[in-house]
Amino acid sequence: MGRTDSFDFVPPGLGEIRGFKSRIHLFVLVVHVASENTRRLMLKGVDGVIFVADSQRQCAEDNLSSLEEMERNLVDMGYDPVKLPRVYSYNKRDLPDALPVEELEKQLNPQRKYPSFETIASQGVGVLASLKGVLRAILLDATQGG
C-alpha cells in the first residue's frame, strides 16, 4: 500500500463550530507511492486539502496529473472540488531546478482562487503556514454553512 501517516489532535482553544466539537485528523499521503484506491480512501470525509506540489521542473507533469486525478476522485465521491477548502504548498523551494512560483501558479492555480505557500518540508519551512492556511479555509467554510 504506500506510506500513509495519520495524525489526530485537538488544538487548544479551537472549541465548537456550529455546535460541533472540533478535532483535526490529518493524513499525510505520499502520492507517487500510494495506489489510487488509497488516495481515494484518504479523500473520504475530507473537509479540506493541502495539495503539495514538487517544485522541481521534472515533476510538473506529475503535479498536474495528480491534481487532475484528485479533482476527478472528489467529483466521483460527490464533492465539488471548486468549493472544497484547499491550499497549495509548493515544496522543495530550495532546490536549484525549482520552477518559479509564478509558473507553478499558472499550471496548478491559474485563477489564484486558492492560497499558496512556499515550503521546504525537509526543513519545516512553510509547513505550519500551509496547515494554518487550510485550517483557516475550513473554519471559514464551516462558519459560512459550507
N, C-alpha and C. Protein backbone atom coordinates (compact mmCIF):
# COMPACT_ATOMS: atom_id res chain seq x y z
N MET A 1 0.84 -1.18 0.00
CA MET A 1 0.00 0.00 0.00
C MET A 1 0.88 1.22 0.00
N GLY A 2 1.70 1.76 0.06
CA GLY A 2 2.37 3.04 0.13
C GLY A 2 2.37 3.60 1.53
N ARG A 3 3.13 4.62 1.70
CA ARG A 3 3.29 5.22 3.02
C ARG A 3 2.15 6.21 3.28
N THR A 4 1.46 6.00 4.38
CA THR A 4 0.43 6.93 4.83
C THR A 4 0.61 7.14 6.31
N ASP A 5 0.71 8.38 6.71
CA ASP A 5 0.80 8.71 8.13
C ASP A 5 -0.50 9.39 8.52
N SER A 6 -0.93 9.15 9.75
CA SER A 6 -2.15 9.76 10.25
C SER A 6 -1.86 10.43 11.58
N PHE A 7 -2.38 11.63 11.74
CA PHE A 7 -2.22 12.37 12.98
C PHE A 7 -3.60 12.85 13.40
N ASP A 8 -3.92 12.67 14.66
CA ASP A 8 -5.21 13.08 15.19
C ASP A 8 -4.92 13.95 16.40
N PHE A 9 -5.36 15.20 16.36
CA PHE A 9 -5.10 16.07 17.51
C PHE A 9 -6.19 17.12 17.64
N VAL A 10 -6.32 17.62 18.84
CA VAL A 10 -7.29 18.67 19.13
C VAL A 10 -6.51 19.89 19.57
N PRO A 11 -6.43 20.90 18.72
CA PRO A 11 -5.69 22.10 19.11
C PRO A 11 -6.41 22.82 20.25
N PRO A 12 -5.68 23.29 21.24
CA PRO A 12 -6.33 24.01 22.34
C PRO A 12 -7.01 25.28 21.84
N GLY A 13 -8.19 25.53 22.37
CA GLY A 13 -8.88 26.77 22.05
C GLY A 13 -9.66 26.76 20.76
N LEU A 14 -9.68 25.65 20.03
CA LEU A 14 -10.45 25.61 18.79
C LEU A 14 -11.94 25.60 19.10
N GLY A 15 -12.32 24.87 20.15
CA GLY A 15 -13.69 24.91 20.64
C GLY A 15 -14.69 24.29 19.69
N GLU A 16 -15.92 24.78 19.80
CA GLU A 16 -17.01 24.26 18.98
C GLU A 16 -17.26 25.17 17.78
N ILE A 17 -17.67 24.53 16.71
CA ILE A 17 -18.04 25.26 15.49
C ILE A 17 -19.44 24.80 15.11
N ARG A 18 -20.38 25.75 15.14
CA ARG A 18 -21.77 25.45 14.82
C ARG A 18 -22.29 24.27 15.64
N GLY A 19 -21.90 24.23 16.92
CA GLY A 19 -22.39 23.21 17.83
C GLY A 19 -21.61 21.90 17.81
N PHE A 20 -20.60 21.79 16.99
CA PHE A 20 -19.80 20.57 16.91
C PHE A 20 -18.44 20.79 17.53
N LYS A 21 -17.98 19.79 18.30
CA LYS A 21 -16.62 19.86 18.84
C LYS A 21 -15.65 19.68 17.68
N SER A 22 -14.63 20.49 17.67
CA SER A 22 -13.67 20.46 16.57
C SER A 22 -12.49 19.55 16.89
N ARG A 23 -12.11 18.79 15.90
CA ARG A 23 -10.96 17.90 16.02
C ARG A 23 -10.30 17.85 14.66
N ILE A 24 -9.01 17.77 14.66
CA ILE A 24 -8.29 17.69 13.39
C ILE A 24 -7.73 16.29 13.24
N HIS A 25 -8.06 15.66 12.14
CA HIS A 25 -7.49 14.36 11.80
C HIS A 25 -6.73 14.59 10.51
N LEU A 26 -5.44 14.55 10.60
CA LEU A 26 -4.57 14.91 9.48
C LEU A 26 -3.95 13.67 8.88
N PHE A 27 -4.11 13.50 7.57
CA PHE A 27 -3.48 12.40 6.85
C PHE A 27 -2.40 12.97 5.96
N VAL A 28 -1.27 12.31 5.95
CA VAL A 28 -0.17 12.68 5.06
C VAL A 28 0.03 11.50 4.13
N LEU A 29 -0.08 11.75 2.84
CA LEU A 29 -0.03 10.68 1.86
C LEU A 29 1.03 10.99 0.82
N VAL A 30 1.93 10.05 0.60
CA VAL A 30 2.93 10.20 -0.45
C VAL A 30 2.30 9.67 -1.73
N VAL A 31 1.89 10.59 -2.59
CA VAL A 31 1.07 10.25 -3.75
C VAL A 31 1.75 9.27 -4.69
N HIS A 32 3.01 9.51 -5.01
CA HIS A 32 3.65 8.66 -6.01
C HIS A 32 3.92 7.25 -5.50
N VAL A 33 3.73 7.00 -4.20
CA VAL A 33 3.94 5.67 -3.64
C VAL A 33 2.61 4.95 -3.43
N ALA A 34 1.56 5.69 -3.12
CA ALA A 34 0.27 5.10 -2.78
C ALA A 34 -0.51 4.73 -4.04
N SER A 35 -1.36 3.72 -3.91
CA SER A 35 -2.22 3.32 -5.02
C SER A 35 -3.37 4.32 -5.15
N GLU A 36 -4.03 4.30 -6.30
CA GLU A 36 -5.17 5.21 -6.49
C GLU A 36 -6.28 4.91 -5.49
N ASN A 37 -6.49 3.63 -5.17
CA ASN A 37 -7.52 3.29 -4.17
C ASN A 37 -7.20 3.91 -2.82
N THR A 38 -5.93 3.90 -2.43
CA THR A 38 -5.53 4.52 -1.16
C THR A 38 -5.76 6.02 -1.23
N ARG A 39 -5.41 6.63 -2.34
CA ARG A 39 -5.61 8.08 -2.49
C ARG A 39 -7.09 8.43 -2.41
N ARG A 40 -7.94 7.62 -3.03
CA ARG A 40 -9.39 7.85 -2.95
C ARG A 40 -9.89 7.71 -1.52
N LEU A 41 -9.41 6.69 -0.82
CA LEU A 41 -9.82 6.45 0.56
C LEU A 41 -9.47 7.64 1.45
N MET A 42 -8.34 8.26 1.21
CA MET A 42 -7.91 9.40 2.02
C MET A 42 -8.82 10.62 1.81
N LEU A 43 -9.52 10.66 0.69
CA LEU A 43 -10.41 11.79 0.41
C LEU A 43 -11.80 11.63 1.04
N LYS A 44 -12.11 10.43 1.52
CA LYS A 44 -13.43 10.18 2.09
C LYS A 44 -13.61 11.00 3.36
N GLY A 45 -14.64 11.82 3.40
CA GLY A 45 -14.94 12.64 4.56
C GLY A 45 -14.04 13.85 4.74
N VAL A 46 -13.32 14.20 3.71
CA VAL A 46 -12.35 15.30 3.80
C VAL A 46 -13.06 16.65 3.91
N ASP A 47 -12.50 17.53 4.73
CA ASP A 47 -13.03 18.89 4.87
C ASP A 47 -12.15 19.92 4.16
N GLY A 48 -10.94 19.52 3.82
CA GLY A 48 -10.01 20.43 3.15
C GLY A 48 -8.78 19.67 2.70
N VAL A 49 -8.03 20.27 1.78
CA VAL A 49 -6.86 19.62 1.20
C VAL A 49 -5.69 20.59 1.12
N ILE A 50 -4.52 20.10 1.50
CA ILE A 50 -3.27 20.79 1.18
C ILE A 50 -2.68 20.00 0.02
N PHE A 51 -2.66 20.60 -1.15
CA PHE A 51 -2.07 19.93 -2.30
C PHE A 51 -0.59 20.32 -2.34
N VAL A 52 0.26 19.34 -2.07
CA VAL A 52 1.70 19.58 -2.04
C VAL A 52 2.27 19.24 -3.42
N ALA A 53 2.78 20.26 -4.08
CA ALA A 53 3.38 20.09 -5.40
C ALA A 53 4.89 20.12 -5.28
N ASP A 54 5.55 19.22 -5.97
CA ASP A 54 7.00 19.20 -6.02
C ASP A 54 7.44 20.28 -6.99
N SER A 55 8.23 21.23 -6.53
CA SER A 55 8.63 22.38 -7.35
C SER A 55 9.64 22.04 -8.44
N GLN A 56 10.21 20.85 -8.42
CA GLN A 56 11.23 20.51 -9.41
C GLN A 56 10.63 20.49 -10.81
N ARG A 57 11.36 21.04 -11.74
CA ARG A 57 10.92 21.15 -13.13
C ARG A 57 10.42 19.81 -13.68
N GLN A 58 11.16 18.74 -13.42
CA GLN A 58 10.80 17.43 -13.98
C GLN A 58 9.52 16.85 -13.37
N CYS A 59 8.98 17.47 -12.34
CA CYS A 59 7.77 16.97 -11.68
C CYS A 59 6.50 17.71 -12.12
N ALA A 60 6.64 18.66 -13.03
CA ALA A 60 5.49 19.48 -13.44
C ALA A 60 4.33 18.64 -13.96
N GLU A 61 4.61 17.69 -14.84
CA GLU A 61 3.54 16.86 -15.40
C GLU A 61 2.90 15.99 -14.32
N ASP A 62 3.73 15.42 -13.44
CA ASP A 62 3.20 14.59 -12.35
C ASP A 62 2.31 15.40 -11.42
N ASN A 63 2.71 16.64 -11.13
CA ASN A 63 1.88 17.50 -10.28
C ASN A 63 0.50 17.70 -10.90
N LEU A 64 0.49 18.06 -12.17
CA LEU A 64 -0.77 18.32 -12.86
C LEU A 64 -1.63 17.06 -12.93
N SER A 65 -0.99 15.94 -13.22
CA SER A 65 -1.70 14.66 -13.29
C SER A 65 -2.31 14.31 -11.93
N SER A 66 -1.56 14.51 -10.85
CA SER A 66 -2.06 14.23 -9.50
C SER A 66 -3.22 15.14 -9.14
N LEU A 67 -3.12 16.40 -9.51
CA LEU A 67 -4.20 17.35 -9.24
C LEU A 67 -5.46 16.96 -9.99
N GLU A 68 -5.32 16.62 -11.27
CA GLU A 68 -6.48 16.23 -12.07
C GLU A 68 -7.13 14.96 -11.51
N GLU A 69 -6.29 14.00 -11.10
CA GLU A 69 -6.82 12.77 -10.51
C GLU A 69 -7.57 13.07 -9.21
N MET A 70 -6.99 13.91 -8.37
CA MET A 70 -7.64 14.27 -7.11
C MET A 70 -9.01 14.91 -7.38
N GLU A 71 -9.05 15.83 -8.33
CA GLU A 71 -10.32 16.50 -8.63
C GLU A 71 -11.34 15.53 -9.21
N ARG A 72 -10.91 14.61 -10.07
CA ARG A 72 -11.82 13.58 -10.60
C ARG A 72 -12.37 12.72 -9.46
N ASN A 73 -11.48 12.30 -8.57
CA ASN A 73 -11.91 11.47 -7.44
C ASN A 73 -12.88 12.22 -6.53
N LEU A 74 -12.63 13.49 -6.30
CA LEU A 74 -13.55 14.28 -5.48
C LEU A 74 -14.93 14.34 -6.11
N VAL A 75 -14.99 14.57 -7.42
CA VAL A 75 -16.27 14.61 -8.14
C VAL A 75 -16.96 13.26 -8.02
N ASP A 76 -16.21 12.17 -8.25
CA ASP A 76 -16.78 10.82 -8.16
C ASP A 76 -17.35 10.54 -6.77
N MET A 77 -16.79 11.18 -5.75
CA MET A 77 -17.23 10.95 -4.38
C MET A 77 -18.30 11.96 -3.94
N GLY A 78 -18.75 12.80 -4.87
CA GLY A 78 -19.84 13.72 -4.57
C GLY A 78 -19.42 15.09 -4.07
N TYR A 79 -18.15 15.40 -4.12
CA TYR A 79 -17.66 16.72 -3.70
C TYR A 79 -17.63 17.67 -4.89
N ASP A 80 -17.72 18.94 -4.60
CA ASP A 80 -17.45 19.97 -5.60
C ASP A 80 -16.02 20.43 -5.34
N PRO A 81 -15.07 20.02 -6.18
CA PRO A 81 -13.67 20.35 -5.91
C PRO A 81 -13.38 21.84 -5.91
N VAL A 82 -14.21 22.62 -6.57
CA VAL A 82 -14.00 24.07 -6.59
C VAL A 82 -14.33 24.68 -5.23
N LYS A 83 -15.34 24.13 -4.55
CA LYS A 83 -15.78 24.68 -3.27
C LYS A 83 -15.03 24.11 -2.06
N LEU A 84 -14.39 22.97 -2.24
CA LEU A 84 -13.68 22.34 -1.12
C LEU A 84 -12.49 23.20 -0.71
N PRO A 85 -12.38 23.54 0.57
CA PRO A 85 -11.22 24.33 1.02
C PRO A 85 -9.91 23.65 0.63
N ARG A 86 -9.02 24.46 0.06
CA ARG A 86 -7.76 23.92 -0.47
C ARG A 86 -6.69 24.99 -0.39
N VAL A 87 -5.48 24.55 -0.16
CA VAL A 87 -4.31 25.42 -0.32
C VAL A 87 -3.26 24.64 -1.09
N TYR A 88 -2.37 25.37 -1.72
CA TYR A 88 -1.25 24.75 -2.43
C TYR A 88 0.02 24.98 -1.64
N SER A 89 0.81 23.93 -1.55
CA SER A 89 2.11 24.00 -0.90
C SER A 89 3.15 23.67 -1.97
N TYR A 90 3.91 24.67 -2.38
CA TYR A 90 4.95 24.46 -3.39
C TYR A 90 6.23 24.09 -2.66
N ASN A 91 6.53 22.79 -2.68
CA ASN A 91 7.60 22.24 -1.86
C ASN A 91 8.92 22.16 -2.63
N LYS A 92 9.98 21.97 -1.87
CA LYS A 92 11.35 21.84 -2.39
C LYS A 92 11.82 23.13 -3.04
N ARG A 93 11.46 24.24 -2.44
CA ARG A 93 11.83 25.55 -2.98
C ARG A 93 13.33 25.81 -2.93
N ASP A 94 14.04 25.02 -2.16
CA ASP A 94 15.48 25.21 -2.00
C ASP A 94 16.30 24.55 -3.11
N LEU A 95 15.68 23.77 -3.96
CA LEU A 95 16.44 23.05 -4.98
C LEU A 95 16.72 23.94 -6.18
N PRO A 96 17.88 23.73 -6.82
CA PRO A 96 18.28 24.61 -7.93
C PRO A 96 17.36 24.53 -9.15
N ASP A 97 16.68 23.40 -9.34
CA ASP A 97 15.80 23.26 -10.51
C ASP A 97 14.34 23.54 -10.18
N ALA A 98 14.09 24.22 -9.07
CA ALA A 98 12.71 24.56 -8.69
C ALA A 98 12.14 25.58 -9.68
N LEU A 99 10.95 25.28 -10.16
CA LEU A 99 10.26 26.22 -11.05
C LEU A 99 9.91 27.49 -10.28
N PRO A 100 9.85 28.62 -10.96
CA PRO A 100 9.39 29.84 -10.29
C PRO A 100 7.94 29.65 -9.81
N VAL A 101 7.61 30.24 -8.69
CA VAL A 101 6.26 30.12 -8.13
C VAL A 101 5.22 30.57 -9.16
N GLU A 102 5.52 31.62 -9.89
CA GLU A 102 4.59 32.12 -10.91
C GLU A 102 4.23 31.03 -11.92
N GLU A 103 5.21 30.23 -12.31
CA GLU A 103 4.96 29.14 -13.26
C GLU A 103 4.11 28.04 -12.62
N LEU A 104 4.40 27.71 -11.38
CA LEU A 104 3.60 26.71 -10.66
C LEU A 104 2.15 27.18 -10.53
N GLU A 105 1.97 28.46 -10.22
CA GLU A 105 0.62 29.02 -10.10
C GLU A 105 -0.12 28.92 -11.43
N LYS A 106 0.55 29.24 -12.54
CA LYS A 106 -0.09 29.15 -13.86
C LYS A 106 -0.56 27.74 -14.15
N GLN A 107 0.25 26.76 -13.75
CA GLN A 107 -0.08 25.36 -14.04
C GLN A 107 -1.16 24.81 -13.11
N LEU A 108 -1.08 25.13 -11.83
CA LEU A 108 -1.93 24.46 -10.85
C LEU A 108 -3.03 25.32 -10.25
N ASN A 109 -2.84 26.60 -10.22
CA ASN A 109 -3.76 27.52 -9.54
C ASN A 109 -3.95 28.76 -10.41
N PRO A 110 -4.32 28.55 -11.69
CA PRO A 110 -4.31 29.66 -12.65
C PRO A 110 -5.23 30.82 -12.31
N GLN A 111 -6.33 30.56 -11.63
CA GLN A 111 -7.26 31.64 -11.26
C GLN A 111 -6.86 32.30 -9.94
N ARG A 112 -5.82 31.77 -9.31
CA ARG A 112 -5.37 32.25 -7.99
C ARG A 112 -6.53 32.18 -6.97
N LYS A 113 -7.38 31.18 -7.15
CA LYS A 113 -8.54 31.00 -6.28
C LYS A 113 -8.15 30.55 -4.88
N TYR A 114 -7.04 29.83 -4.78
CA TYR A 114 -6.64 29.23 -3.51
C TYR A 114 -5.32 29.83 -3.04
N PRO A 115 -5.16 29.95 -1.73
CA PRO A 115 -3.87 30.43 -1.19
C PRO A 115 -2.76 29.43 -1.52
N SER A 116 -1.56 29.94 -1.65
CA SER A 116 -0.41 29.06 -1.88
C SER A 116 0.74 29.47 -0.97
N PHE A 117 1.57 28.49 -0.66
CA PHE A 117 2.68 28.69 0.26
C PHE A 117 3.93 28.03 -0.30
N GLU A 118 5.05 28.67 -0.11
CA GLU A 118 6.33 28.08 -0.48
C GLU A 118 6.83 27.28 0.72
N THR A 119 7.25 26.04 0.46
CA THR A 119 7.71 25.20 1.56
C THR A 119 9.02 24.49 1.23
N ILE A 120 9.72 24.18 2.29
CA ILE A 120 10.87 23.27 2.26
C ILE A 120 10.58 22.30 3.40
N ALA A 121 9.80 21.27 3.10
CA ALA A 121 9.29 20.37 4.15
C ALA A 121 10.43 19.71 4.93
N SER A 122 11.52 19.39 4.26
CA SER A 122 12.63 18.72 4.95
C SER A 122 13.23 19.58 6.05
N GLN A 123 13.00 20.89 5.98
CA GLN A 123 13.50 21.82 7.00
C GLN A 123 12.36 22.42 7.83
N GLY A 124 11.13 22.04 7.51
CA GLY A 124 9.97 22.57 8.24
C GLY A 124 9.56 23.97 7.81
N VAL A 125 10.17 24.49 6.76
CA VAL A 125 9.88 25.85 6.31
C VAL A 125 8.53 25.90 5.59
N GLY A 126 7.63 26.73 6.08
CA GLY A 126 6.34 26.95 5.43
C GLY A 126 5.29 25.89 5.70
N VAL A 127 5.66 24.82 6.37
CA VAL A 127 4.72 23.72 6.60
C VAL A 127 3.58 24.15 7.52
N LEU A 128 3.91 24.78 8.62
CA LEU A 128 2.88 25.25 9.55
C LEU A 128 1.99 26.31 8.90
N ALA A 129 2.58 27.17 8.09
CA ALA A 129 1.79 28.19 7.39
C ALA A 129 0.77 27.54 6.46
N SER A 130 1.17 26.46 5.77
CA SER A 130 0.24 25.73 4.90
C SER A 130 -0.90 25.12 5.70
N LEU A 131 -0.55 24.51 6.84
CA LEU A 131 -1.57 23.90 7.69
C LEU A 131 -2.53 24.96 8.22
N LYS A 132 -1.99 26.07 8.69
CA LYS A 132 -2.85 27.16 9.18
C LYS A 132 -3.73 27.69 8.06
N GLY A 133 -3.19 27.75 6.85
CA GLY A 133 -3.96 28.25 5.71
C GLY A 133 -5.17 27.38 5.41
N VAL A 134 -4.98 26.06 5.40
CA VAL A 134 -6.11 25.19 5.11
C VAL A 134 -7.09 25.16 6.28
N LEU A 135 -6.58 25.22 7.52
CA LEU A 135 -7.48 25.27 8.67
C LEU A 135 -8.34 26.53 8.64
N ARG A 136 -7.73 27.64 8.29
CA ARG A 136 -8.47 28.90 8.17
C ARG A 136 -9.58 28.76 7.12
N ALA A 137 -9.25 28.16 5.98
CA ALA A 137 -10.24 27.99 4.91
C ALA A 137 -11.36 27.05 5.35
N ILE A 138 -11.02 25.99 6.07
CA ILE A 138 -12.03 25.04 6.56
C ILE A 138 -12.95 25.72 7.57
N LEU A 139 -12.37 26.45 8.51
CA LEU A 139 -13.18 27.14 9.53
C LEU A 139 -14.08 28.19 8.90
N LEU A 140 -13.57 28.92 7.94
CA LEU A 140 -14.38 29.91 7.24
C LEU A 140 -15.54 29.23 6.52
N ASP A 141 -15.25 28.12 5.85
CA ASP A 141 -16.29 27.37 5.15
C ASP A 141 -17.34 26.85 6.14
N ALA A 142 -16.88 26.34 7.29
CA ALA A 142 -17.81 25.79 8.30
C ALA A 142 -18.69 26.87 8.91
N THR A 143 -18.12 28.03 9.17
CA THR A 143 -18.90 29.10 9.79
C THR A 143 -19.86 29.75 8.81
N GLN A 144 -19.60 29.58 7.52
CA GLN A 144 -20.49 30.13 6.50
C GLN A 144 -21.49 29.10 6.00
N GLY A 145 -21.53 27.95 6.69
CA GLY A 145 -22.53 26.94 6.36
C GLY A 145 -22.14 26.01 5.25
N GLY A 146 -20.86 25.92 4.93
CA GLY A 146 -20.40 25.06 3.83
C GLY A 146 -20.43 23.61 4.12
